[in-house]
Every structure is written in structure tokens, then in C-alpha cells.
Protein backbone atom coordinates (compact mmCIF):
# COMPACT_ATOMS: atom_id res chain seq x y z
CA UNK A 1 16.21 19.30 -29.29
CA UNK A 2 13.41 16.77 -29.44
CA UNK A 3 16.08 13.97 -29.66
CA UNK A 4 17.72 14.64 -27.20
CA UNK A 5 14.45 14.84 -25.29
CA UNK A 6 13.16 11.63 -26.11
CA UNK A 7 16.98 9.71 -25.38
CA UNK A 8 16.67 11.36 -22.11
CA UNK A 9 13.14 10.05 -22.17
CA UNK A 10 14.41 6.96 -22.51
CA UNK A 11 17.60 6.27 -20.36
CA UNK A 12 15.72 7.28 -17.11
CA UNK A 13 12.47 4.73 -18.36
CA UNK A 14 15.81 2.02 -18.73
CA UNK A 15 17.45 3.26 -15.32
CA UNK A 16 14.29 2.84 -13.71
CA UNK A 17 13.08 -0.40 -15.32
CA UNK A 18 16.65 -1.40 -14.41
CA UNK A 19 16.90 -0.79 -10.83
CA UNK A 20 13.22 -2.15 -10.27
CA UNK A 21 13.90 -5.46 -11.98
CA UNK A 22 17.30 -5.24 -9.73
CA UNK A 23 15.35 -4.67 -6.48
CA UNK A 24 12.65 -7.63 -6.71
CA UNK A 25 14.70 -9.92 -8.18
CA UNK A 26 18.36 -9.63 -6.98
CA UNK A 27 19.00 -7.21 -3.94
CA UNK A 28 15.35 -7.55 -2.06
CA UNK A 29 14.57 -11.16 -2.14
CA UNK A 30 18.11 -11.26 -1.48
CA UNK A 31 17.83 -8.91 2.17
CA UNK A 32 14.41 -11.42 3.05
CA UNK A 33 16.13 -14.33 2.66
CA UNK A 34 19.02 -13.61 4.85
CA UNK A 35 16.50 -13.49 7.54
CA UNK A 36 18.30 -11.17 10.11
CA UNK A 37 16.60 -8.02 11.77
CA UNK A 38 19.42 -5.57 10.02
CA UNK A 39 18.46 -6.92 6.30
CA UNK A 40 14.79 -7.15 7.31
CA UNK A 41 14.69 -3.05 8.47
CA UNK A 42 16.70 -3.32 4.48
CA UNK A 43 14.00 -4.39 2.58
CA UNK A 44 11.59 -2.45 4.62
CA UNK A 45 12.91 0.70 3.82
CA UNK A 46 14.35 -0.25 0.20
CA UNK A 47 11.00 -1.07 -0.86
CA UNK A 48 9.26 2.04 0.71
CA UNK A 49 11.85 4.11 -1.29
CA UNK A 50 10.70 2.40 -4.08
CA UNK A 51 7.41 2.78 -3.88
CA UNK A 52 8.63 6.95 -2.75
CA UNK A 53 9.99 6.95 -6.12
CA UNK A 54 7.26 5.65 -8.34
CA UNK A 55 4.50 7.88 -7.09
CA UNK A 56 6.76 10.67 -7.48
CA UNK A 57 7.34 9.61 -11.02
CA UNK A 58 3.64 8.41 -11.61
CA UNK A 59 2.92 12.13 -9.68
CA UNK A 60 5.73 14.09 -12.19
CA UNK A 61 4.35 12.20 -15.28
CA UNK A 62 0.55 13.71 -14.54
CA UNK A 63 1.15 16.98 -13.83
CA UNK A 64 3.56 17.05 -17.11
CA UNK A 65 0.89 15.78 -19.26
CA UNK A 66 -2.42 17.84 -17.61
CA UNK A 67 -0.35 20.56 -15.80
CA UNK A 68 -3.79 22.61 -15.37
CA UNK A 69 -5.25 19.74 -13.81
CA UNK A 70 -6.85 20.39 -10.09
CA UNK A 71 -6.11 23.99 -10.26
CA UNK A 72 -9.00 26.13 -8.80
CA UNK A 73 -7.34 29.59 -10.84
CA UNK A 74 -8.42 28.03 -13.93
CA UNK A 75 -12.13 27.29 -14.35
CA UNK A 76 -12.98 25.37 -17.29
CA UNK A 77 -15.90 27.05 -19.57
């Protein structure tokens, strides 16, 4: 069970890293370099999507590591 979970975590991290590198080193600059309005809107939308995925992933990691953080139901003693 542990090996399966570790494999899925590493695969997810690898896919996120590849998608980030692909966006910032290939697709993003290509769209900005084109300079048309549609391409710039696509670049803006892609960057917003990347930011949402990144923040969502960070929140997921924080909530998984500390599930009771920020909860008013369990006051700390």
C-alpha cells in the first residue's frame, strides 16, 4: 500500500513539474511572442489556470499535513 501511494505522489509531482516547465518554457512564451489578442488572452488564461492549480495543490498539501489547523471545533489545550 505504501509503495502505491508513493508511486502516485511521485507521478503527480513529475506531471506537475513537466506541465509547469512546458507552460513557462514553451507554450507561454510562444503565445506571448505571437502577439495577437487571442494568443494573449490564451496566455493569460493559461497562467491563471496554472496559478489556480498551484494554489489548490498547496492548500491540499497543507490540509493533508495538518487536518485540524484552523478548526474552531478542537481548541488546543
